Amino acid sequence: MCHVFAGQSPSNYAFETRSVRLMGRPTSVRLESKFWVVLEQLADTQDMPMAKFLSALYEEASEIHGEVSNFASLLRCCCINFLDPAFDHRQLAKEAQEARTKMDSVAAE
């Protein structure tokens, strides 16, 4: 039963640490390699480079919750939500378009 999961390549769950800047502060995030693959897809849907996506997500979560106590766990849950068949990808695309429009208008000023 579990062979399909247990037999997967260890490279999927090997840890990968990436250096990022969150709210101007350098830090590192350690996730399993497979999560980085999904985060790249998620950042692509937002038309953002990974660094900008991570920074924007951290800033928004900080604004909403006051702090981000475990950013790596937040990222893992984002990946799970993104891959959930019930996830509203249209809403995500709409929010991304609104953010791009807002950035374009700020850049034009």
PDB file of N, CA and C in Angstrom:
ATOM      1  N   MET A   1       0.806  -1.188   0.000  1.00  0.00           N
ATOM      2  CA  MET A   1       0.000   0.000   0.000  1.00  0.00           C
ATOM      3  C   MET A   1       0.861   1.269   0.000  1.00  0.00           C
ATOM      4  N   CYS A   2       1.867   1.330   0.843  1.00  0.00           N
ATOM      5  CA  CYS A   2       2.664   2.546   0.979  1.00  0.00           C
ATOM      6  C   CYS A   2       3.875   2.577   0.060  1.00  0.00           C
ATOM      7  N   HIS A   3       4.047   1.551  -0.761  1.00  0.00           N
ATOM      8  CA  HIS A   3       5.233   1.484  -1.617  1.00  0.00           C
ATOM      9  C   HIS A   3       5.357   2.715  -2.524  1.00  0.00           C
ATOM     10  N   VAL A   4       4.231   3.185  -3.013  1.00  0.00           N
ATOM     11  CA  VAL A   4       4.260   4.340  -3.902  1.00  0.00           C
ATOM     12  C   VAL A   4       4.823   5.570  -3.173  1.00  0.00           C
ATOM     13  N   PHE A   5       4.597   5.655  -1.875  1.00  0.00           N
ATOM     14  CA  PHE A   5       5.144   6.765  -1.089  1.00  0.00           C
ATOM     15  C   PHE A   5       6.541   6.436  -0.560  1.00  0.00           C
ATOM     16  N   ALA A   6       6.672   5.247   0.013  1.00  0.00           N
ATOM     17  CA  ALA A   6       7.949   4.857   0.607  1.00  0.00           C
ATOM     18  C   ALA A   6       9.041   4.703  -0.448  1.00  0.00           C
ATOM     19  N   GLY A   7       8.646   4.353  -1.663  1.00  0.00           N
ATOM     20  CA  GLY A   7       9.620   4.119  -2.713  1.00  0.00           C
ATOM     21  C   GLY A   7      10.044   5.346  -3.495  1.00  0.00           C
ATOM     22  N   GLN A   8       9.525   6.505  -3.108  1.00  0.00           N
ATOM     23  CA  GLN A   8       9.889   7.721  -3.847  1.00  0.00           C
ATOM     24  C   GLN A   8      11.371   8.054  -3.674  1.00  0.00           C
ATOM     25  N   SER A   9      11.871   8.838  -4.573  1.00  0.00           N
ATOM     26  CA  SER A   9      13.273   9.241  -4.537  1.00  0.00           C
ATOM     27  C   SER A   9      13.569  10.051  -3.277  1.00  0.00           C
ATOM     28  N   PRO A  10      14.632   9.705  -2.567  1.00  0.00           N
ATOM     29  CA  PRO A  10      15.012  10.487  -1.388  1.00  0.00           C
ATOM     30  C   PRO A  10      15.295  11.959  -1.714  1.00  0.00           C
ATOM     31  N   SER A  11      15.545  12.252  -2.968  1.00  0.00           N
ATOM     32  CA  SER A  11      15.783  13.656  -3.331  1.00  0.00           C
ATOM     33  C   SER A  11      14.528  14.501  -3.131  1.00  0.00           C
ATOM     34  N   ASN A  12      13.344  13.881  -3.155  1.00  0.00           N
ATOM     35  CA  ASN A  12      12.096  14.611  -2.930  1.00  0.00           C
ATOM     36  C   ASN A  12      12.008  15.167  -1.512  1.00  0.00           C
ATOM     37  N   TYR A  13      12.515  14.425  -0.553  1.00  0.00           N
ATOM     38  CA  TYR A  13      12.381  14.854   0.827  1.00  0.00           C
ATOM     39  C   TYR A  13      13.699  15.267   1.476  1.00  0.00           C
ATOM     40  N   ALA A  14      14.740  15.374   0.670  1.00  0.00           N
ATOM     41  CA  ALA A  14      16.005  15.907   1.180  1.00  0.00           C
ATOM     42  C   ALA A  14      15.820  17.388   1.482  1.00  0.00           C
ATOM     43  N   PHE A  15      16.408  17.836   2.573  1.00  0.00           N
ATOM     44  CA  PHE A  15      16.292  19.246   2.930  1.00  0.00           C
ATOM     45  C   PHE A  15      17.116  20.114   1.996  1.00  0.00           C
ATOM     46  N   GLU A  16      16.573  21.264   1.700  1.00  0.00           N
ATOM     47  CA  GLU A  16      17.268  22.270   0.903  1.00  0.00           C
ATOM     48  C   GLU A  16      17.086  23.597   1.631  1.00  0.00           C
ATOM     49  N   THR A  17      18.178  24.268   1.886  1.00  0.00           N
ATOM     50  CA  THR A  17      18.137  25.551   2.579  1.00  0.00           C
ATOM     51  C   THR A  17      18.422  26.657   1.575  1.00  0.00           C
ATOM     52  N   ARG A  18      17.573  27.668   1.604  1.00  0.00           N
ATOM     53  CA  ARG A  18      17.753  28.819   0.709  1.00  0.00           C
ATOM     54  C   ARG A  18      17.837  30.087   1.536  1.00  0.00           C
ATOM     55  N   SER A  19      18.726  30.954   1.125  1.00  0.00           N
ATOM     56  CA  SER A  19      18.855  32.260   1.769  1.00  0.00           C
ATOM     57  C   SER A  19      17.866  33.216   1.130  1.00  0.00           C
ATOM     58  N   VAL A  20      17.140  33.944   1.961  1.00  0.00           N
ATOM     59  CA  VAL A  20      16.159  34.907   1.475  1.00  0.00           C
ATOM     60  C   VAL A  20      16.215  36.153   2.337  1.00  0.00           C
ATOM     61  N   ARG A  21      15.640  37.217   1.824  1.00  0.00           N
ATOM     62  CA  ARG A  21      15.509  38.467   2.553  1.00  0.00           C
ATOM     63  C   ARG A  21      14.033  38.670   2.850  1.00  0.00           C
ATOM     64  N   LEU A  22      13.691  38.726   4.131  1.00  0.00           N
ATOM     65  CA  LEU A  22      12.314  38.925   4.552  1.00  0.00           C
ATOM     66  C   LEU A  22      12.224  40.233   5.317  1.00  0.00           C
ATOM     67  N   MET A  23      11.467  41.174   4.757  1.00  0.00           N
ATOM     68  CA  MET A  23      11.315  42.503   5.344  1.00  0.00           C
ATOM     69  C   MET A  23      12.692  43.146   5.581  1.00  0.00           C
ATOM     70  N   GLY A  24      13.577  42.955   4.602  1.00  0.00           N
ATOM     71  CA  GLY A  24      14.894  43.570   4.645  1.00  0.00           C
ATOM     72  C   GLY A  24      15.937  42.821   5.453  1.00  0.00           C
ATOM     73  N   ARG A  25      15.549  41.743   6.086  1.00  0.00           N
ATOM     74  CA  ARG A  25      16.495  40.996   6.921  1.00  0.00           C
ATOM     75  C   ARG A  25      16.879  39.681   6.250  1.00  0.00           C
ATOM     76  N   PRO A  26      18.178  39.412   6.172  1.00  0.00           N
ATOM     77  CA  PRO A  26      18.597  38.135   5.583  1.00  0.00           C
ATOM     78  C   PRO A  26      18.290  36.985   6.547  1.00  0.00           C
ATOM     79  N   THR A  27      17.804  35.908   6.000  1.00  0.00           N
ATOM     80  CA  THR A  27      17.512  34.715   6.783  1.00  0.00           C
ATOM     81  C   THR A  27      17.613  33.508   5.870  1.00  0.00           C
ATOM     82  N   SER A  28      17.410  32.340   6.404  1.00  0.00           N
ATOM     83  CA  SER A  28      17.396  31.147   5.569  1.00  0.00           C
ATOM     84  C   SER A  28      16.146  30.337   5.891  1.00  0.00           C
ATOM     85  N   VAL A  29      15.676  29.632   4.885  1.00  0.00           N
ATOM     86  CA  VAL A  29      14.485  28.791   5.023  1.00  0.00           C
ATOM     87  C   VAL A  29      14.876  27.384   4.597  1.00  0.00           C
ATOM     88  N   ARG A  30      14.564  26.420   5.439  1.00  0.00           N
ATOM     89  CA  ARG A  30      14.894  25.018   5.176  1.00  0.00           C
ATOM     90  C   ARG A  30      13.607  24.236   4.952  1.00  0.00           C
ATOM     91  N   LEU A  31      13.472  23.717   3.739  1.00  0.00           N
ATOM     92  CA  LEU A  31      12.303  22.915   3.363  1.00  0.00           C
ATOM     93  C   LEU A  31      12.761  21.691   2.581  1.00  0.00           C
ATOM     94  N   GLU A  32      11.886  20.716   2.499  1.00  0.00           N
ATOM     95  CA  GLU A  32      12.147  19.571   1.649  1.00  0.00           C
ATOM     96  C   GLU A  32      12.127  20.037   0.190  1.00  0.00           C
ATOM     97  N   SER A  33      12.958  19.421  -0.632  1.00  0.00           N
ATOM     98  CA  SER A  33      13.119  19.830  -2.035  1.00  0.00           C
ATOM     99  C   SER A  33      11.804  19.896  -2.790  1.00  0.00           C
ATOM    100  N   LYS A  34      10.923  18.958  -2.549  1.00  0.00           N
ATOM    101  CA  LYS A  34       9.645  18.919  -3.273  1.00  0.00           C
ATOM    102  C   LYS A  34       8.804  20.166  -2.988  1.00  0.00           C
ATOM    103  N   PHE A  35       8.901  20.712  -1.767  1.00  0.00           N
ATOM    104  CA  PHE A  35       8.165  21.931  -1.456  1.00  0.00           C
ATOM    105  C   PHE A  35       8.707  23.111  -2.258  1.00  0.00           C
ATOM    106  N   TRP A  36      10.022  23.161  -2.475  1.00  0.00           N
ATOM    107  CA  TRP A  36      10.592  24.249  -3.277  1.00  0.00           C
ATOM    108  C   TRP A  36      10.074  24.186  -4.712  1.00  0.00           C
ATOM    109  N   VAL A  37       9.878  22.987  -5.230  1.00  0.00           N
ATOM    110  CA  VAL A  37       9.335  22.831  -6.593  1.00  0.00           C
ATOM    111  C   VAL A  37       7.929  23.437  -6.656  1.00  0.00           C
ATOM    112  N   VAL A  38       7.098  23.119  -5.673  1.00  0.00           N
ATOM    113  CA  VAL A  38       5.733  23.642  -5.660  1.00  0.00           C
ATOM    114  C   VAL A  38       5.745  25.159  -5.445  1.00  0.00           C
ATOM    115  N   LEU A  39       6.623  25.641  -4.578  1.00  0.00           N
ATOM    116  CA  LEU A  39       6.703  27.093  -4.360  1.00  0.00           C
ATOM    117  C   LEU A  39       7.128  27.832  -5.622  1.00  0.00           C
ATOM    118  N   GLU A  40       7.992  27.226  -6.421  1.00  0.00           N
ATOM    119  CA  GLU A  40       8.372  27.830  -7.703  1.00  0.00           C
ATOM    120  C   GLU A  40       7.139  27.952  -8.604  1.00  0.00           C
ATOM    121  N   GLN A  41       6.322  26.912  -8.637  1.00  0.00           N
ATOM    122  CA  GLN A  41       5.093  26.952  -9.435  1.00  0.00           C
ATOM    123  C   GLN A  41       4.157  28.042  -8.913  1.00  0.00           C
ATOM    124  N   LEU A  42       4.044  28.125  -7.608  1.00  0.00           N
ATOM    125  CA  LEU A  42       3.174  29.123  -6.981  1.00  0.00           C
ATOM    126  C   LEU A  42       3.667  30.535  -7.281  1.00  0.00           C
ATOM    127  N   ALA A  43       4.965  30.757  -7.169  1.00  0.00           N
ATOM    128  CA  ALA A  43       5.528  32.064  -7.494  1.00  0.00           C
ATOM    129  C   ALA A  43       5.300  32.401  -8.966  1.00  0.00           C
ATOM    130  N   ASP A  44       5.420  31.409  -9.831  1.00  0.00           N
ATOM    131  CA  ASP A  44       5.172  31.619 -11.263  1.00  0.00           C
ATOM    132  C   ASP A  44       3.736  32.056 -11.520  1.00  0.00           C
ATOM    133  N   THR A  45       2.783  31.479 -10.786  1.00  0.00           N
ATOM    134  CA  THR A  45       1.387  31.869 -10.989  1.00  0.00           C
ATOM    135  C   THR A  45       1.155  33.323 -10.585  1.00  0.00           C
ATOM    136  N   GLN A  46       2.043  33.845  -9.756  1.00  0.00           N
ATOM    137  CA  GLN A  46       1.945  35.232  -9.305  1.00  0.00           C
ATOM    138  C   GLN A  46       2.836  36.161 -10.145  1.00  0.00           C
ATOM    139  N   ASP A  47       3.491  35.589 -11.150  1.00  0.00           N
ATOM    140  CA  ASP A  47       4.430  36.335 -11.994  1.00  0.00           C
ATOM    141  C   ASP A  47       5.493  37.039 -11.156  1.00  0.00           C
ATOM    142  N   MET A  48       6.017  36.318 -10.178  1.00  0.00           N
ATOM    143  CA  MET A  48       7.045  36.871  -9.296  1.00  0.00           C
ATOM    144  C   MET A  48       8.234  35.925  -9.226  1.00  0.00           C
ATOM    145  N   PRO A  49       9.415  36.498  -9.103  1.00  0.00           N
ATOM    146  CA  PRO A  49      10.552  35.635  -8.774  1.00  0.00           C
ATOM    147  C   PRO A  49      10.348  35.087  -7.354  1.00  0.00           C
ATOM    148  N   MET A  50      10.964  33.971  -7.068  1.00  0.00           N
ATOM    149  CA  MET A  50      10.784  33.323  -5.771  1.00  0.00           C
ATOM    150  C   MET A  50      11.070  34.274  -4.606  1.00  0.00           C
ATOM    151  N   ALA A  51      12.159  35.008  -4.673  1.00  0.00           N
ATOM    152  CA  ALA A  51      12.525  35.895  -3.560  1.00  0.00           C
ATOM    153  C   ALA A  51      11.437  36.937  -3.297  1.00  0.00           C
ATOM    154  N   LYS A  52      10.916  37.512  -4.342  1.00  0.00           N
ATOM    155  CA  LYS A  52       9.869  38.525  -4.189  1.00  0.00           C
ATOM    156  C   LYS A  52       8.587  37.893  -3.651  1.00  0.00           C
ATOM    157  N   PHE A  53       8.248  36.712  -4.137  1.00  0.00           N
ATOM    158  CA  PHE A  53       7.054  36.016  -3.670  1.00  0.00           C
ATOM    159  C   PHE A  53       7.152  35.718  -2.173  1.00  0.00           C
ATOM    160  N   LEU A  54       8.288  35.166  -1.754  1.00  0.00           N
ATOM    161  CA  LEU A  54       8.459  34.835  -0.337  1.00  0.00           C
ATOM    162  C   LEU A  54       8.379  36.081   0.535  1.00  0.00           C
ATOM    163  N   SER A  55       9.004  37.152   0.084  1.00  0.00           N
ATOM    164  CA  SER A  55       8.974  38.396   0.840  1.00  0.00           C
ATOM    165  C   SER A  55       7.560  38.954   0.938  1.00  0.00           C
ATOM    166  N   ALA A  56       6.833  38.949  -0.169  1.00  0.00           N
ATOM    167  CA  ALA A  56       5.463  39.455  -0.174  1.00  0.00           C
ATOM    168  C   ALA A  56       4.565  38.611   0.721  1.00  0.00           C
ATOM    169  N   LEU A  57       4.715  37.306   0.669  1.00  0.00           N
ATOM    170  CA  LEU A  57       3.919  36.409   1.506  1.00  0.00           C
ATOM    171  C   LEU A  57       4.206  36.664   2.985  1.00  0.00           C
ATOM    172  N   TYR A  58       5.471  36.800   3.320  1.00  0.00           N
ATOM    173  CA  TYR A  58       5.854  37.053   4.711  1.00  0.00           C
ATOM    174  C   TYR A  58       5.265  38.378   5.195  1.00  0.00           C
ATOM    175  N   GLU A  59       5.381  39.412   4.372  1.00  0.00           N
ATOM    176  CA  GLU A  59       4.852  40.726   4.755  1.00  0.00           C
ATOM    177  C   GLU A  59       3.341  40.692   4.932  1.00  0.00           C
ATOM    178  N   GLU A  60       2.627  40.033   4.021  1.00  0.00           N
ATOM    179  CA  GLU A  60       1.170  39.956   4.137  1.00  0.00           C
ATOM    180  C   GLU A  60       0.761  39.165   5.378  1.00  0.00           C
ATOM    181  N   ALA A  61       1.426  38.055   5.629  1.00  0.00           N
ATOM    182  CA  ALA A  61       1.107  37.255   6.821  1.00  0.00           C
ATOM    183  C   ALA A  61       1.396  38.051   8.096  1.00  0.00           C
ATOM    184  N   SER A  62       2.463  38.826   8.081  1.00  0.00           N
ATOM    185  CA  SER A  62       2.793  39.669   9.241  1.00  0.00           C
ATOM    186  C   SER A  62       1.719  40.724   9.461  1.00  0.00           C
ATOM    187  N   GLU A  63       1.234  41.321   8.374  1.00  0.00           N
ATOM    188  CA  GLU A  63       0.177  42.327   8.488  1.00  0.00           C
ATOM    189  C   GLU A  63      -1.111  41.717   9.034  1.00  0.00           C
ATOM    190  N   ILE A  64      -1.440  40.529   8.579  1.00  0.00           N
ATOM    191  CA  ILE A  64      -2.689  39.872   8.984  1.00  0.00           C
ATOM    192  C   ILE A  64      -2.619  39.366  10.421  1.00  0.00           C
ATOM    193  N   HIS A  65      -1.495  38.722  10.779  1.00  0.00           N
ATOM    194  CA  HIS A  65      -1.402  38.039  12.068  1.00  0.00           C
ATOM    195  C   HIS A  65      -0.520  38.750  13.096  1.00  0.00           C
ATOM    196  N   GLY A  66       0.171  39.800  12.681  1.00  0.00           N
ATOM    197  CA  GLY A  66       1.056  40.500  13.604  1.00  0.00           C
ATOM    198  C   GLY A  66       2.456  39.918  13.664  1.00  0.00           C
ATOM    199  N   GLU A  67       2.587  38.656  13.396  1.00  0.00           N
ATOM    200  CA  GLU A  67       3.886  37.994  13.349  1.00  0.00           C
ATOM    201  C   GLU A  67       3.754  36.690  12.568  1.00  0.00           C
ATOM    202  N   VAL A  68       4.882  36.156  12.164  1.00  0.00           N
ATOM    203  CA  VAL A  68       4.910  34.850  11.507  1.00  0.00           C
ATOM    204  C   VAL A  68       5.823  33.979  12.361  1.00  0.00           C
ATOM    205  N   SER A  69       5.218  33.139  13.172  1.00  0.00           N
ATOM    206  CA  SER A  69       5.999  32.368  14.144  1.00  0.00           C
ATOM    207  C   SER A  69       6.768  31.209  13.512  1.00  0.00           C
ATOM    208  N   ASN A  70       6.279  30.664  12.407  1.00  0.00           N
ATOM    209  CA  ASN A  70       6.962  29.541  11.762  1.00  0.00           C
ATOM    210  C   ASN A  70       6.761  29.649  10.253  1.00  0.00           C
ATOM    211  N   PHE A  71       7.637  30.396   9.606  1.00  0.00           N
ATOM    212  CA  PHE A  71       7.494  30.669   8.177  1.00  0.00           C
ATOM    213  C   PHE A  71       7.604  29.398   7.340  1.00  0.00           C
ATOM    214  N   ALA A  72       8.498  28.487   7.715  1.00  0.00           N
ATOM    215  CA  ALA A  72       8.647  27.242   6.948  1.00  0.00           C
ATOM    216  C   ALA A  72       7.341  26.442   6.960  1.00  0.00           C
ATOM    217  N   SER A  73       6.671  26.388   8.102  1.00  0.00           N
ATOM    218  CA  SER A  73       5.394  25.684   8.169  1.00  0.00           C
ATOM    219  C   SER A  73       4.328  26.395   7.351  1.00  0.00           C
ATOM    220  N   LEU A  74       4.333  27.720   7.389  1.00  0.00           N
ATOM    221  CA  LEU A  74       3.402  28.480   6.553  1.00  0.00           C
ATOM    222  C   LEU A  74       3.610  28.122   5.087  1.00  0.00           C
ATOM    223  N   LEU A  75       4.866  28.042   4.657  1.00  0.00           N
ATOM    224  CA  LEU A  75       5.159  27.708   3.259  1.00  0.00           C
ATOM    225  C   LEU A  75       4.682  26.307   2.904  1.00  0.00           C
ATOM    226  N   ARG A  76       4.897  25.345   3.799  1.00  0.00           N
ATOM    227  CA  ARG A  76       4.435  23.988   3.530  1.00  0.00           C
ATOM    228  C   ARG A  76       2.910  23.959   3.382  1.00  0.00           C
ATOM    229  N   CYS A  77       2.220  24.672   4.268  1.00  0.00           N
ATOM    230  CA  CYS A  77       0.750  24.707   4.191  1.00  0.00           C
ATOM    231  C   CYS A  77       0.279  25.415   2.924  1.00  0.00           C
ATOM    232  N   CYS A  78       1.005  26.441   2.478  1.00  0.00           N
ATOM    233  CA  CYS A  78       0.672  27.091   1.206  1.00  0.00           C
ATOM    234  C   CYS A  78       0.748  26.082   0.062  1.00  0.00           C
ATOM    235  N   CYS A  79       1.783  25.260   0.082  1.00  0.00           N
ATOM    236  CA  CYS A  79       1.936  24.241  -0.966  1.00  0.00           C
ATOM    237  C   CYS A  79       0.789  23.242  -0.935  1.00  0.00           C
ATOM    238  N   ILE A  80       0.433  22.783   0.261  1.00  0.00           N
ATOM    239  CA  ILE A  80      -0.661  21.821   0.385  1.00  0.00           C
ATOM    240  C   ILE A  80      -1.968  22.445  -0.105  1.00  0.00           C
ATOM    241  N   ASN A  81      -2.215  23.679   0.286  1.00  0.00           N
ATOM    242  CA  ASN A  81      -3.434  24.360  -0.166  1.00  0.00           C
ATOM    243  C   ASN A  81      -3.445  24.523  -1.677  1.00  0.00           C
ATOM    244  N   PHE A  82      -2.317  24.917  -2.248  1.00  0.00           N
ATOM    245  CA  PHE A  82      -2.199  25.137  -3.685  1.00  0.00           C
ATOM    246  C   PHE A  82      -2.479  23.849  -4.466  1.00  0.00           C
ATOM    247  N   LEU A  83      -2.062  22.715  -3.921  1.00  0.00           N
ATOM    248  CA  LEU A  83      -2.247  21.427  -4.595  1.00  0.00           C
ATOM    249  C   LEU A  83      -3.603  20.788  -4.314  1.00  0.00           C
ATOM    250  N   ASP A  84      -4.343  21.315  -3.360  1.00  0.00           N
ATOM    251  CA  ASP A  84      -5.666  20.781  -3.009  1.00  0.00           C
ATOM    252  C   ASP A  84      -6.616  20.981  -4.186  1.00  0.00           C
ATOM    253  N   PRO A  85      -7.297  19.926  -4.627  1.00  0.00           N
ATOM    254  CA  PRO A  85      -8.234  20.071  -5.758  1.00  0.00           C
ATOM    255  C   PRO A  85      -9.327  21.110  -5.514  1.00  0.00           C
ATOM    256  N   ALA A  86      -9.651  21.370  -4.272  1.00  0.00           N
ATOM    257  CA  ALA A  86     -10.700  22.348  -3.957  1.00  0.00           C
ATOM    258  C   ALA A  86     -10.174  23.784  -3.912  1.00  0.00           C
ATOM    259  N   PHE A  87      -8.878  23.966  -4.086  1.00  0.00           N
ATOM    260  CA  PHE A  87      -8.286  25.303  -4.017  1.00  0.00           C
ATOM    261  C   PHE A  87      -8.822  26.187  -5.139  1.00  0.00           C
ATOM    262  N   ASP A  88      -9.102  27.433  -4.817  1.00  0.00           N
ATOM    263  CA  ASP A  88      -9.674  28.382  -5.785  1.00  0.00           C
ATOM    264  C   ASP A  88      -8.554  29.091  -6.562  1.00  0.00           C
ATOM    265  N   HIS A  89      -8.122  28.468  -7.641  1.00  0.00           N
ATOM    266  CA  HIS A  89      -7.046  29.032  -8.457  1.00  0.00           C
ATOM    267  C   HIS A  89      -7.495  30.310  -9.174  1.00  0.00           C
ATOM    268  N   ARG A  90      -8.778  30.438  -9.440  1.00  0.00           N
ATOM    269  CA  ARG A  90      -9.271  31.674 -10.077  1.00  0.00           C
ATOM    270  C   ARG A  90      -9.114  32.863  -9.137  1.00  0.00           C
ATOM    271  N   GLN A  91      -9.399  32.656  -7.858  1.00  0.00           N
ATOM    272  CA  GLN A  91      -9.238  33.738  -6.886  1.00  0.00           C
ATOM    273  C   GLN A  91      -7.766  34.128  -6.774  1.00  0.00           C
ATOM    274  N   LEU A  92      -6.882  33.144  -6.786  1.00  0.00           N
ATOM    275  CA  LEU A  92      -5.449  33.421  -6.730  1.00  0.00           C
ATOM    276  C   LEU A  92      -5.017  34.242  -7.941  1.00  0.00           C
ATOM    277  N   ALA A  93      -5.498  33.874  -9.125  1.00  0.00           N
ATOM    278  CA  ALA A  93      -5.172  34.619 -10.339  1.00  0.00           C
ATOM    279  C   ALA A  93      -5.732  36.038 -10.285  1.00  0.00           C
ATOM    280  N   LYS A  94      -6.929  36.179  -9.755  1.00  0.00           N
ATOM    281  CA  LYS A  94      -7.553  37.500  -9.627  1.00  0.00           C
ATOM    282  C   LYS A  94      -6.730  38.390  -8.698  1.00  0.00           C
ATOM    283  N   GLU A  95      -6.315  37.855  -7.556  1.00  0.00           N
ATOM    284  CA  GLU A  95      -5.509  38.631  -6.618  1.00  0.00           C
ATOM    285  C   GLU A  95      -4.158  39.007  -7.222  1.00  0.00           C
ATOM    286  N   ALA A  96      -3.584  38.093  -7.995  1.00  0.00           N
ATOM    287  CA  ALA A  96      -2.308  38.383  -8.647  1.00  0.00           C
ATOM    288  C   ALA A  96      -2.467  39.517  -9.658  1.00  0.00           C
ATOM    289  N   GLN A  97      -3.553  39.488 -10.421  1.00  0.00           N
ATOM    290  CA  GLN A  97      -3.812  40.542 -11.404  1.00  0.00           C
ATOM    291  C   GLN A  97      -4.023  41.885 -10.710  1.00  0.00           C
ATOM    292  N   GLU A  98      -4.767  41.890  -9.621  1.00  0.00           N
ATOM    293  CA  GLU A  98      -4.993  43.127  -8.872  1.00  0.00           C
ATOM    294  C   GLU A  98      -3.675  43.693  -8.340  1.00  0.00           C
ATOM    295  N   ALA A  99      -2.803  42.818  -7.851  1.00  0.00           N
ATOM    296  CA  ALA A  99      -1.504  43.264  -7.341  1.00  0.00           C
ATOM    297  C   ALA A  99      -0.647  43.840  -8.466  1.00  0.00           C
ATOM    298  N   ARG A 100      -0.671  43.189  -9.646  1.00  0.00           N
ATOM    299  CA  ARG A 100       0.101  43.704 -10.787  1.00  0.00           C
ATOM    300  C   ARG A 100      -0.424  45.062 -11.227  1.00  0.00           C
ATOM    301  N   THR A 101      -1.731  45.215 -11.273  1.00  0.00           N
ATOM    302  CA  THR A 101      -2.334  46.493 -11.658  1.00  0.00           C
ATOM    303  C   THR A 101      -1.939  47.587 -10.675  1.00  0.00           C
ATOM    304  N   LYS A 102      -1.965  47.272  -9.395  1.00  0.00           N
ATOM    305  CA  LYS A 102      -1.577  48.229  -8.364  1.00  0.00           C
ATOM    306  C   LYS A 102      -0.110  48.623  -8.515  1.00  0.00           C
ATOM    307  N   MET A 103       0.772  47.630  -8.759  1.00  0.00           N
ATOM    308  CA  MET A 103       2.193  47.927  -8.929  1.00  0.00           C
ATOM    309  C   MET A 103       2.442  48.745 -10.179  1.00  0.00           C
ATOM    310  N   ASP A 104       1.710  48.451 -11.251  1.00  0.00           N
ATOM    311  CA  ASP A 104       1.863  49.211 -12.495  1.00  0.00           C
ATOM    312  C   ASP A 104       1.459  50.664 -12.303  1.00  0.00           C
ATOM    313  N   SER A 105       0.381  50.901 -11.557  1.00  0.00           N
ATOM    314  CA  SER A 105      -0.068  52.280 -11.344  1.00  0.00           C
ATOM    315  C   SER A 105       0.898  53.032 -10.458  1.00  0.00           C
ATOM    316  N   VAL A 106       1.489  52.376  -9.479  1.00  0.00           N
ATOM    317  CA  VAL A 106       2.487  53.017  -8.612  1.00  0.00           C
ATOM    318  C   VAL A 106       3.743  53.337  -9.415  1.00  0.00           C
ATOM    319  N   ALA A 107       4.147  52.416 -10.295  1.00  0.00           N
ATOM    320  CA  ALA A 107       5.337  52.637 -11.108  1.00  0.00           C
ATOM    321  C   ALA A 107       5.136  53.774 -12.105  1.00  0.00           C
ATOM    322  N   ALA A 108       3.908  53.971 -12.565  1.00  0.00           N
ATOM    323  CA  ALA A 108       3.617  55.022 -13.550  1.00  0.00           C
ATOM    324  C   ALA A 108       3.626  56.408 -12.916  1.00  0.00           C
ATOM    325  N   GLU A 109       3.483  56.485 -11.603  1.00  0.00           N
ATOM    326  CA  GLU A 109       3.422  57.799 -10.930  1.00  0.00           C
ATOM    327  C   GLU A 109       4.769  58.448 -10.833  1.00  0.00           C
TER     328      GLU A 109
END
